PDB file of N, CA and C in Angstrom:
ATOM      1  N   MET A   1       4.774  53.716  87.548  1.00  0.00           N
ATOM      2  CA  MET A   1       5.158  53.155  88.836  1.00  0.00           C
ATOM      3  C   MET A   1       6.456  52.374  88.668  1.00  0.00           C
ATOM      4  N   PRO A   2       7.501  52.697  89.436  1.00  0.00           N
ATOM      5  CA  PRO A   2       8.774  51.982  89.320  1.00  0.00           C
ATOM      6  C   PRO A   2       8.636  50.519  89.728  1.00  0.00           C
ATOM      7  N   VAL A   3       9.369  49.679  89.030  1.00  0.00           N
ATOM      8  CA  VAL A   3       9.369  48.256  89.320  1.00  0.00           C
ATOM      9  C   VAL A   3      10.470  47.969  90.336  1.00  0.00           C
ATOM     10  N   THR A   4      10.141  47.207  91.381  1.00  0.00           N
ATOM     11  CA  THR A   4      11.139  46.809  92.356  1.00  0.00           C
ATOM     12  C   THR A   4      11.647  45.428  91.970  1.00  0.00           C
ATOM     13  N   LEU A   5      12.932  45.363  91.695  1.00  0.00           N
ATOM     14  CA  LEU A   5      13.546  44.098  91.301  1.00  0.00           C
ATOM     15  C   LEU A   5      14.163  43.398  92.495  1.00  0.00           C
ATOM     16  N   ASP A   6      14.230  42.105  92.406  1.00  0.00           N
ATOM     17  CA  ASP A   6      14.989  41.303  93.344  1.00  0.00           C
ATOM     18  C   ASP A   6      16.438  41.793  93.283  1.00  0.00           C
ATOM     19  N   PRO A   7      17.132  41.897  94.413  1.00  0.00           N
ATOM     20  CA  PRO A   7      18.527  42.364  94.391  1.00  0.00           C
ATOM     21  C   PRO A   7      19.433  41.542  93.475  1.00  0.00           C
ATOM     22  N   GLU A   8      19.184  40.254  93.368  1.00  0.00           N
ATOM     23  CA  GLU A   8      20.008  39.414  92.490  1.00  0.00           C
ATOM     24  C   GLU A   8      19.756  39.735  91.019  1.00  0.00           C
ATOM     25  N   ASP A   9      18.519  40.102  90.682  1.00  0.00           N
ATOM     26  CA  ASP A   9      18.224  40.509  89.308  1.00  0.00           C
ATOM     27  C   ASP A   9      18.842  41.872  89.013  1.00  0.00           C
ATOM     28  N   SER A  10      18.798  42.764  89.981  1.00  0.00           N
ATOM     29  CA  SER A  10      19.457  44.070  89.814  1.00  0.00           C
ATOM     30  C   SER A  10      20.952  43.888  89.584  1.00  0.00           C
ATOM     31  N   LYS A  11      21.531  42.911  90.275  1.00  0.00           N
ATOM     32  CA  LYS A  11      22.966  42.644  90.142  1.00  0.00           C
ATOM     33  C   LYS A  11      23.324  42.245  88.713  1.00  0.00           C
ATOM     34  N   ILE A  12      22.534  41.373  88.086  1.00  0.00           N
ATOM     35  CA  ILE A  12      22.914  40.943  86.738  1.00  0.00           C
ATOM     36  C   ILE A  12      22.676  42.056  85.717  1.00  0.00           C
ATOM     37  N   ILE A  13      21.713  42.938  85.973  1.00  0.00           N
ATOM     38  CA  ILE A  13      21.555  44.097  85.094  1.00  0.00           C
ATOM     39  C   ILE A  13      22.784  44.995  85.216  1.00  0.00           C
ATOM     40  N   THR A  14      23.254  45.201  86.433  1.00  0.00           N
ATOM     41  CA  THR A  14      24.456  46.010  86.652  1.00  0.00           C
ATOM     42  C   THR A  14      25.671  45.384  85.969  1.00  0.00           C
ATOM     43  N   LEU A  15      25.820  44.072  86.081  1.00  0.00           N
ATOM     44  CA  LEU A  15      26.938  43.385  85.420  1.00  0.00           C
ATOM     45  C   LEU A  15      26.862  43.522  83.899  1.00  0.00           C
ATOM     46  N   ALA A  16      25.659  43.402  83.346  1.00  0.00           N
ATOM     47  CA  ALA A  16      25.482  43.540  81.899  1.00  0.00           C
ATOM     48  C   ALA A  16      25.800  44.961  81.443  1.00  0.00           C
ATOM     49  N   ARG A  17      25.363  45.943  82.214  1.00  0.00           N
ATOM     50  CA  ARG A  17      25.672  47.348  81.890  1.00  0.00           C
ATOM     51  C   ARG A  17      27.172  47.589  81.916  1.00  0.00           C
ATOM     52  N   ALA A  18      27.838  47.063  82.926  1.00  0.00           N
ATOM     53  CA  ALA A  18      29.285  47.265  83.065  1.00  0.00           C
ATOM     54  C   ALA A  18      30.041  46.621  81.903  1.00  0.00           C
ATOM     55  N   ALA A  19      29.650  45.421  81.513  1.00  0.00           N
ATOM     56  CA  ALA A  19      30.321  44.752  80.392  1.00  0.00           C
ATOM     57  C   ALA A  19      30.140  45.555  79.113  1.00  0.00           C
ATOM     58  N   ARG A  20      28.922  46.016  78.883  1.00  0.00           N
ATOM     59  CA  ARG A  20      28.618  46.816  77.685  1.00  0.00           C
ATOM     60  C   ARG A  20      29.452  48.092  77.666  1.00  0.00           C
ATOM     61  N   ALA A  21      29.497  48.783  78.781  1.00  0.00           N
ATOM     62  CA  ALA A  21      30.239  50.046  78.861  1.00  0.00           C
ATOM     63  C   ALA A  21      31.745  49.822  78.713  1.00  0.00           C
ATOM     64  N   ARG A  22      32.249  48.787  79.363  1.00  0.00           N
ATOM     65  CA  ARG A  22      33.688  48.498  79.336  1.00  0.00           C
ATOM     66  C   ARG A  22      34.174  48.229  77.913  1.00  0.00           C
ATOM     67  N   ASN A  23      33.362  47.518  77.139  1.00  0.00           N
ATOM     68  CA  ASN A  23      33.775  47.137  75.789  1.00  0.00           C
ATOM     69  C   ASN A  23      33.244  48.073  74.710  1.00  0.00           C
ATOM     70  N   GLY A  24      32.402  49.022  75.095  1.00  0.00           N
ATOM     71  CA  GLY A  24      31.809  49.907  74.100  1.00  0.00           C
ATOM     72  C   GLY A  24      30.952  49.152  73.107  1.00  0.00           C
ATOM     73  N   SER A  25      30.281  48.122  73.589  1.00  0.00           N
ATOM     74  CA  SER A  25      29.508  47.228  72.725  1.00  0.00           C
ATOM     75  C   SER A  25      28.059  47.672  72.579  1.00  0.00           C
ATOM     76  N   ALA A  26      27.416  47.144  71.561  1.00  0.00           N
ATOM     77  CA  ALA A  26      26.009  47.446  71.316  1.00  0.00           C
ATOM     78  C   ALA A  26      25.117  46.875  72.417  1.00  0.00           C
ATOM     79  N   GLU A  27      25.511  45.730  72.953  1.00  0.00           N
ATOM     80  CA  GLU A  27      24.704  45.110  74.004  1.00  0.00           C
ATOM     81  C   GLU A  27      25.578  44.373  75.002  1.00  0.00           C
ATOM     82  N   GLY A  28      25.057  44.263  76.197  1.00  0.00           N
ATOM     83  CA  GLY A  28      25.698  43.497  77.257  1.00  0.00           C
ATOM     84  C   GLY A  28      24.668  42.563  77.855  1.00  0.00           C
ATOM     85  N   ALA A  29      25.110  41.444  78.360  1.00  0.00           N
ATOM     86  CA  ALA A  29      24.198  40.488  78.973  1.00  0.00           C
ATOM     87  C   ALA A  29      24.868  39.869  80.178  1.00  0.00           C
ATOM     88  N   ALA A  30      24.043  39.371  81.075  1.00  0.00           N
ATOM     89  CA  ALA A  30      24.547  38.612  82.222  1.00  0.00           C
ATOM     90  C   ALA A  30      23.520  37.546  82.556  1.00  0.00           C
ATOM     91  N   VAL A  31      24.013  36.423  83.047  1.00  0.00           N
ATOM     92  CA  VAL A  31      23.141  35.321  83.443  1.00  0.00           C
ATOM     93  C   VAL A  31      23.523  34.859  84.849  1.00  0.00           C
ATOM     94  N   ARG A  32      22.563  34.260  85.521  1.00  0.00           N
ATOM     95  CA  ARG A  32      22.798  33.646  86.832  1.00  0.00           C
ATOM     96  C   ARG A  32      22.383  32.189  86.727  1.00  0.00           C
ATOM     97  N   ASP A  33      23.320  31.295  87.105  1.00  0.00           N
ATOM     98  CA  ASP A  33      23.018  29.869  86.986  1.00  0.00           C
ATOM     99  C   ASP A  33      22.341  29.337  88.245  1.00  0.00           C
ATOM    100  N   GLU A  34      22.085  28.056  88.249  1.00  0.00           N
ATOM    101  CA  GLU A  34      21.338  27.419  89.337  1.00  0.00           C
ATOM    102  C   GLU A  34      22.082  27.432  90.668  1.00  0.00           C
ATOM    103  N   THR A  35      23.370  27.694  90.647  1.00  0.00           N
ATOM    104  CA  THR A  35      24.136  27.762  91.896  1.00  0.00           C
ATOM    105  C   THR A  35      24.383  29.205  92.346  1.00  0.00           C
ATOM    106  N   GLY A  36      23.893  30.169  91.550  1.00  0.00           N
ATOM    107  CA  GLY A  36      24.071  31.571  91.885  1.00  0.00           C
ATOM    108  C   GLY A  36      25.276  32.219  91.241  1.00  0.00           C
ATOM    109  N   ARG A  37      26.062  31.444  90.494  1.00  0.00           N
ATOM    110  CA  ARG A  37      27.209  32.030  89.797  1.00  0.00           C
ATOM    111  C   ARG A  37      26.707  32.931  88.668  1.00  0.00           C
ATOM    112  N   THR A  38      27.437  34.015  88.404  1.00  0.00           N
ATOM    113  CA  THR A  38      27.041  34.934  87.352  1.00  0.00           C
ATOM    114  C   THR A  38      28.126  35.010  86.279  1.00  0.00           C
ATOM    115  N   TYR A  39      27.674  35.291  85.078  1.00  0.00           N
ATOM    116  CA  TYR A  39      28.552  35.420  83.922  1.00  0.00           C
ATOM    117  C   TYR A  39      28.065  36.616  83.121  1.00  0.00           C
ATOM    118  N   SER A  40      28.975  37.489  82.726  1.00  0.00           N
ATOM    119  CA  SER A  40      28.583  38.634  81.909  1.00  0.00           C
ATOM    120  C   SER A  40      29.394  38.637  80.619  1.00  0.00           C
ATOM    121  N   ALA A  41      28.807  39.215  79.595  1.00  0.00           N
ATOM    122  CA  ALA A  41      29.441  39.196  78.274  1.00  0.00           C
ATOM    123  C   ALA A  41      28.883  40.315  77.408  1.00  0.00           C
ATOM    124  N   THR A  42      29.558  40.529  76.288  1.00  0.00           N
ATOM    125  CA  THR A  42      29.058  41.440  75.261  1.00  0.00           C
ATOM    126  C   THR A  42      28.938  40.670  73.955  1.00  0.00           C
ATOM    127  N   ASP A  43      28.324  41.324  72.988  1.00  0.00           N
ATOM    128  CA  ASP A  43      28.179  40.688  71.688  1.00  0.00           C
ATOM    129  C   ASP A  43      29.547  40.547  71.020  1.00  0.00           C
ATOM    130  N   VAL A  44      29.643  39.595  70.117  1.00  0.00           N
ATOM    131  CA  VAL A  44      30.865  39.349  69.347  1.00  0.00           C
ATOM    132  C   VAL A  44      30.520  39.606  67.890  1.00  0.00           C
ATOM    133  N   ALA A  45      31.259  40.497  67.270  1.00  0.00           N
ATOM    134  CA  ALA A  45      30.994  40.834  65.870  1.00  0.00           C
ATOM    135  C   ALA A  45      32.301  40.782  65.083  1.00  0.00           C
ATOM    136  N   LEU A  46      32.701  39.554  64.774  1.00  0.00           N
ATOM    137  CA  LEU A  46      33.879  39.329  63.936  1.00  0.00           C
ATOM    138  C   LEU A  46      33.413  38.976  62.532  1.00  0.00           C
ATOM    139  N   SER A  47      34.290  39.079  61.562  1.00  0.00           N
ATOM    140  CA  SER A  47      33.881  38.703  60.210  1.00  0.00           C
ATOM    141  C   SER A  47      33.558  37.208  60.129  1.00  0.00           C
ATOM    142  N   SER A  48      34.183  36.412  60.981  1.00  0.00           N
ATOM    143  CA  SER A  48      33.967  34.965  60.935  1.00  0.00           C
ATOM    144  C   SER A  48      33.045  34.440  62.031  1.00  0.00           C
ATOM    145  N   LEU A  49      32.602  35.309  62.953  1.00  0.00           N
ATOM    146  CA  LEU A  49      31.767  34.850  64.063  1.00  0.00           C
ATOM    147  C   LEU A  49      30.904  35.985  64.576  1.00  0.00           C
ATOM    148  N   ARG A  50      29.607  35.736  64.664  1.00  0.00           N
ATOM    149  CA  ARG A  50      28.666  36.718  65.215  1.00  0.00           C
ATOM    150  C   ARG A  50      27.812  36.025  66.265  1.00  0.00           C
ATOM    151  N   LEU A  51      27.886  36.553  67.487  1.00  0.00           N
ATOM    152  CA  LEU A  51      27.084  36.038  68.595  1.00  0.00           C
ATOM    153  C   LEU A  51      26.508  37.211  69.365  1.00  0.00           C
ATOM    154  N   SER A  52      25.292  37.050  69.842  1.00  0.00           N
ATOM    155  CA  SER A  52      24.703  38.086  70.688  1.00  0.00           C
ATOM    156  C   SER A  52      25.319  38.004  72.081  1.00  0.00           C
ATOM    157  N   ALA A  53      25.151  39.054  72.837  1.00  0.00           N
ATOM    158  CA  ALA A  53      25.661  39.057  74.215  1.00  0.00           C
ATOM    159  C   ALA A  53      25.014  37.946  75.035  1.00  0.00           C
ATOM    160  N   VAL A  54      23.723  37.710  74.834  1.00  0.00           N
ATOM    161  CA  VAL A  54      23.037  36.637  75.562  1.00  0.00           C
ATOM    162  C   VAL A  54      23.656  35.295  75.200  1.00  0.00           C
ATOM    163  N   GLN A  55      23.888  35.060  73.927  1.00  0.00           N
ATOM    164  CA  GLN A  55      24.474  33.787  73.504  1.00  0.00           C
ATOM    165  C   GLN A  55      25.856  33.582  74.114  1.00  0.00           C
ATOM    166  N   VAL A  56      26.667  34.631  74.173  1.00  0.00           N
ATOM    167  CA  VAL A  56      28.009  34.505  74.747  1.00  0.00           C
ATOM    168  C   VAL A  56      27.922  34.219  76.242  1.00  0.00           C
ATOM    169  N   ALA A  57      27.072  34.961  76.962  1.00  0.00           N
ATOM    170  CA  ALA A  57      26.940  34.750  78.410  1.00  0.00           C
ATOM    171  C   ALA A  57      26.434  33.346  78.715  1.00  0.00           C
ATOM    172  N   VAL A  58      25.471  32.873  77.942  1.00  0.00           N
ATOM    173  CA  VAL A  58      24.953  31.513  78.148  1.00  0.00           C
ATOM    174  C   VAL A  58      26.038  30.486  77.838  1.00  0.00           C
ATOM    175  N   ALA A  59      26.774  30.687  76.768  1.00  0.00           N
ATOM    176  CA  ALA A  59      27.855  29.754  76.429  1.00  0.00           C
ATOM    177  C   ALA A  59      28.896  29.701  77.539  1.00  0.00           C
ATOM    178  N   MET A  60      29.226  30.852  78.119  1.00  0.00           N
ATOM    179  CA  MET A  60      30.190  30.876  79.227  1.00  0.00           C
ATOM    180  C   MET A  60      29.669  30.064  80.410  1.00  0.00           C
ATOM    181  N   ALA A  61      28.394  30.232  80.727  1.00  0.00           N
ATOM    182  CA  ALA A  61      27.810  29.503  81.855  1.00  0.00           C
ATOM    183  C   ALA A  61      27.805  27.997  81.590  1.00  0.00           C
ATOM    184  N   VAL A  62      27.355  27.617  80.419  1.00  0.00           N
ATOM    185  CA  VAL A  62      27.284  26.191  80.080  1.00  0.00           C
ATOM    186  C   VAL A  62      28.674  25.571  80.036  1.00  0.00           C
ATOM    187  N   SER A  63      29.635  26.290  79.476  1.00  0.00           N
ATOM    188  CA  SER A  63      30.996  25.734  79.405  1.00  0.00           C
ATOM    189  C   SER A  63      31.659  25.673  80.773  1.00  0.00           C
ATOM    190  N   SER A  64      31.075  26.347  81.754  1.00  0.00           N
ATOM    191  CA  SER A  64      31.574  26.284  83.141  1.00  0.00           C
ATOM    192  C   SER A  64      30.800  25.276  83.975  1.00  0.00           C
ATOM    193  N   GLY A  65      29.867  24.564  83.348  1.00  0.00           N
ATOM    194  CA  GLY A  65      29.162  23.496  84.037  1.00  0.00           C
ATOM    195  C   GLY A  65      27.733  23.784  84.442  1.00  0.00           C
ATOM    196  N   ALA A  66      27.201  24.949  84.108  1.00  0.00           N
ATOM    197  CA  ALA A  66      25.810  25.259  84.477  1.00  0.00           C
ATOM    198  C   ALA A  66      24.858  24.287  83.783  1.00  0.00           C
ATOM    199  N   GLN A  67      23.885  23.827  84.540  1.00  0.00           N
ATOM    200  CA  GLN A  67      22.853  22.934  83.999  1.00  0.00           C
ATOM    201  C   GLN A  67      21.574  23.688  83.664  1.00  0.00           C
ATOM    202  N   SER A  68      21.340  24.792  84.372  1.00  0.00           N
ATOM    203  CA  SER A  68      20.159  25.614  84.135  1.00  0.00           C
ATOM    204  C   SER A  68      20.473  27.045  84.558  1.00  0.00           C
ATOM    205  N   LEU A  69      19.596  27.951  84.160  1.00  0.00           N
ATOM    206  CA  LEU A  69      19.759  29.357  84.506  1.00  0.00           C
ATOM    207  C   LEU A  69      18.558  29.836  85.300  1.00  0.00           C
ATOM    208  N   GLU A  70      18.824  30.689  86.277  1.00  0.00           N
ATOM    209  CA  GLU A  70      17.748  31.307  87.053  1.00  0.00           C
ATOM    210  C   GLU A  70      17.275  32.599  86.401  1.00  0.00           C
ATOM    211  N   ALA A  71      18.191  33.331  85.769  1.00  0.00           N
ATOM    212  CA  ALA A  71      17.830  34.624  85.193  1.00  0.00           C
ATOM    213  C   ALA A  71      18.798  35.013  84.094  1.00  0.00           C
ATOM    214  N   VAL A  72      18.286  35.810  83.158  1.00  0.00           N
ATOM    215  CA  VAL A  72      19.082  36.366  82.068  1.00  0.00           C
ATOM    216  C   VAL A  72      18.717  37.838  81.950  1.00  0.00           C
ATOM    217  N   ALA A  73      19.722  38.695  81.835  1.00  0.00           N
ATOM    218  CA  ALA A  73      19.492  40.128  81.635  1.00  0.00           C
ATOM    219  C   ALA A  73      20.213  40.582  80.377  1.00  0.00           C
ATOM    220  N   LEU A  74      19.547  41.442  79.634  1.00  0.00           N
ATOM    221  CA  LEU A  74      20.112  42.035  78.424  1.00  0.00           C
ATOM    222  C   LEU A  74      20.016  43.543  78.558  1.00  0.00           C
ATOM    223  N   VAL A  75      21.130  44.236  78.331  1.00  0.00           N
ATOM    224  CA  VAL A  75      21.152  45.695  78.311  1.00  0.00           C
ATOM    225  C   VAL A  75      21.453  46.119  76.884  1.00  0.00           C
ATOM    226  N   THR A  76      20.539  46.902  76.317  1.00  0.00           N
ATOM    227  CA  THR A  76      20.674  47.296  74.924  1.00  0.00           C
ATOM    228  C   THR A  76      19.909  48.583  74.655  1.00  0.00           C
ATOM    229  N   ALA A  77      20.380  49.329  73.673  1.00  0.00           N
ATOM    230  CA  ALA A  77      19.630  50.484  73.194  1.00  0.00           C
ATOM    231  C   ALA A  77      18.692  50.042  72.076  1.00  0.00           C
ATOM    232  N   GLY A  78      18.865  48.800  71.633  1.00  0.00           N
ATOM    233  CA  GLY A  78      18.048  48.254  70.546  1.00  0.00           C
ATOM    234  C   GLY A  78      16.674  47.826  71.022  1.00  0.00           C
ATOM    235  N   ASP A  79      16.020  47.062  70.177  1.00  0.00           N
ATOM    236  CA  ASP A  79      14.640  46.652  70.423  1.00  0.00           C
ATOM    237  C   ASP A  79      14.478  45.630  71.533  1.00  0.00           C
ATOM    238  N   GLY A  80      15.472  44.836  71.772  1.00  0.00           N
ATOM    239  CA  GLY A  80      15.351  43.807  72.799  1.00  0.00           C
ATOM    240  C   GLY A  80      15.918  42.500  72.308  1.00  0.00           C
ATOM    241  N   PRO A  81      15.594  41.420  72.993  1.00  0.00           N
ATOM    242  CA  PRO A  81      16.189  40.131  72.635  1.00  0.00           C
ATOM    243  C   PRO A  81      15.669  39.606  71.305  1.00  0.00           C
ATOM    244  N   SER A  82      16.543  38.924  70.625  1.00  0.00           N
ATOM    245  CA  SER A  82      16.146  38.266  69.381  1.00  0.00           C
ATOM    246  C   SER A  82      15.400  36.979  69.728  1.00  0.00           C
ATOM    247  N   PRO A  83      14.693  36.416  68.767  1.00  0.00           N
ATOM    248  CA  PRO A  83      14.074  35.113  69.009  1.00  0.00           C
ATOM    249  C   PRO A  83      15.104  34.053  69.428  1.00  0.00           C
ATOM    250  N   ALA A  84      16.319  34.124  68.876  1.00  0.00           N
ATOM    251  CA  ALA A  84      17.362  33.159  69.248  1.00  0.00           C
ATOM    252  C   ALA A  84      17.767  33.336  70.709  1.00  0.00           C
ATOM    253  N   ASP A  85      17.852  34.602  71.175  1.00  0.00           N
ATOM    254  CA  ASP A  85      18.169  34.860  72.588  1.00  0.00           C
ATOM    255  C   ASP A  85      17.080  34.297  73.493  1.00  0.00           C
ATOM    256  N   GLU A  86      15.831  34.529  73.123  1.00  0.00           N
ATOM    257  CA  GLU A  86      14.712  34.016  73.914  1.00  0.00           C
ATOM    258  C   GLU A  86      14.726  32.496  73.957  1.00  0.00           C
ATOM    259  N   GLU A  87      15.040  31.882  72.837  1.00  0.00           N
ATOM    260  CA  GLU A  87      15.052  30.415  72.769  1.00  0.00           C
ATOM    261  C   GLU A  87      16.161  29.816  73.626  1.00  0.00           C
ATOM    262  N   VAL A  88      17.361  30.379  73.581  1.00  0.00           N
ATOM    263  CA  VAL A  88      18.454  29.835  74.384  1.00  0.00           C
ATOM    264  C   VAL A  88      18.153  30.000  75.874  1.00  0.00           C
ATOM    265  N   ALA A  89      17.509  31.088  76.254  1.00  0.00           N
ATOM    266  CA  ALA A  89      17.116  31.275  77.658  1.00  0.00           C
ATOM    267  C   ALA A  89      16.072  30.239  78.067  1.00  0.00           C
ATOM    268  N   ARG A  90      15.076  30.038  77.209  1.00  0.00           N
ATOM    269  CA  ARG A  90      14.030  29.044  77.498  1.00  0.00           C
ATOM    270  C   ARG A  90      14.607  27.639  77.618  1.00  0.00           C
ATOM    271  N   GLU A  91      15.558  27.320  76.736  1.00  0.00           N
ATOM    272  CA  GLU A  91      16.157  25.977  76.747  1.00  0.00           C
ATOM    273  C   GLU A  91      16.804  25.664  78.092  1.00  0.00           C
ATOM    274  N   LEU A  92      17.298  26.696  78.778  1.00  0.00           N
ATOM    275  CA  LEU A  92      17.950  26.487  80.071  1.00  0.00           C
ATOM    276  C   LEU A  92      17.048  26.854  81.252  1.00  0.00           C
ATOM    277  N   GLY A  93      15.732  26.962  81.001  1.00  0.00           N
ATOM    278  CA  GLY A  93      14.773  27.091  82.095  1.00  0.00           C
ATOM    279  C   GLY A  93      14.328  28.484  82.465  1.00  0.00           C
ATOM    280  N   VAL A  94      14.816  29.508  81.769  1.00  0.00           N
ATOM    281  CA  VAL A  94      14.420  30.881  82.090  1.00  0.00           C
ATOM    282  C   VAL A  94      13.115  31.202  81.365  1.00  0.00           C
ATOM    283  N   LYS A  95      12.141  31.724  82.108  1.00  0.00           N
ATOM    284  CA  LYS A  95      10.835  32.031  81.524  1.00  0.00           C
ATOM    285  C   LYS A  95      10.845  33.327  80.714  1.00  0.00           C
ATOM    286  N   ALA A  96      11.601  34.321  81.167  1.00  0.00           N
ATOM    287  CA  ALA A  96      11.638  35.604  80.472  1.00  0.00           C
ATOM    288  C   ALA A  96      12.981  36.284  80.712  1.00  0.00           C
ATOM    289  N   LEU A  97      13.394  37.053  79.738  1.00  0.00           N
ATOM    290  CA  LEU A  97      14.612  37.842  79.868  1.00  0.00           C
ATOM    291  C   LEU A  97      14.278  39.193  80.481  1.00  0.00           C
ATOM    292  N   LEU A  98      15.162  39.667  81.340  1.00  0.00           N
ATOM    293  CA  LEU A  98      15.071  41.038  81.823  1.00  0.00           C
ATOM    294  C   LEU A  98      15.753  41.909  80.777  1.00  0.00           C
ATOM    295  N   VAL A  99      15.068  42.918  80.273  1.00  0.00           N
ATOM    296  CA  VAL A  99      15.642  43.800  79.264  1.00  0.00           C
ATOM    297  C   VAL A  99      15.683  45.210  79.833  1.00  0.00           C
ATOM    298  N   ALA A 100      16.863  45.805  79.796  1.00  0.00           N
ATOM    299  CA  ALA A 100      17.039  47.161  80.313  1.00  0.00           C
ATOM    300  C   ALA A 100      17.736  48.020  79.268  1.00  0.00           C
ATOM    301  N   GLY A 101      17.501  49.314  79.373  1.00  0.00           N
ATOM    302  CA  GLY A 101      18.194  50.270  78.520  1.00  0.00           C
ATOM    303  C   GLY A 101      19.598  50.500  79.040  1.00  0.00           C
ATOM    304  N   PRO A 102      20.401  51.235  78.301  1.00  0.00           N
ATOM    305  CA  PRO A 102      21.778  51.505  78.714  1.00  0.00           C
ATOM    306  C   PRO A 102      21.903  52.164  80.098  1.00  0.00           C
ATOM    307  N   ASP A 103      20.863  52.890  80.510  1.00  0.00           N
ATOM    308  CA  ASP A 103      20.889  53.533  81.830  1.00  0.00           C
ATOM    309  C   ASP A 103      20.445  52.595  82.959  1.00  0.00           C
ATOM    310  N   GLY A 104      20.106  51.355  82.612  1.00  0.00           N
ATOM    311  CA  GLY A 104      19.691  50.380  83.605  1.00  0.00           C
ATOM    312  C   GLY A 104      18.200  50.338  83.863  1.00  0.00           C
ATOM    313  N   THR A 105      17.436  51.214  83.202  1.00  0.00           N
ATOM    314  CA  THR A 105      15.984  51.225  83.382  1.00  0.00           C
ATOM    315  C   THR A 105      15.376  49.981  82.764  1.00  0.00           C
ATOM    316  N   LEU A 106      14.633  49.246  83.570  1.00  0.00           N
ATOM    317  CA  LEU A 106      13.989  48.018  83.103  1.00  0.00           C
ATOM    318  C   LEU A 106      12.916  48.351  82.079  1.00  0.00           C
ATOM    319  N   ARG A 107      12.973  47.687  80.925  1.00  0.00           N
ATOM    320  CA  ARG A 107      11.969  47.894  79.875  1.00  0.00           C
ATOM    321  C   ARG A 107      10.980  46.748  79.810  1.00  0.00           C
ATOM    322  N   SER A 108      11.421  45.553  80.116  1.00  0.00           N
ATOM    323  CA  SER A 108      10.513  44.403  80.120  1.00  0.00           C
ATOM    324  C   SER A 108      11.150  43.251  80.862  1.00  0.00           C
TER     325      SER A 108
END
């Protein structure tokens, strides 16, 4: 049975997919803050810095003044969010991450 998502949750999945595709990255993420602003990002894999897409998107939101998050979406062909991704989402008030495959199909 297909899951019907809130349009705002569908939007952040779309933003995460677009960021991932644009950069050719392993994963893309998007977050929505308490005011409805959205931030999308991809993972960073430099020799001197490694961050997941969720960590980058959350950092962008926090550095822009977000106090809490309403939702977090991760698009990946991998297994899903790391424990660190789950923890950073929880720290800012999100109960669960939306995880979708590269085609946008919700996995959890």
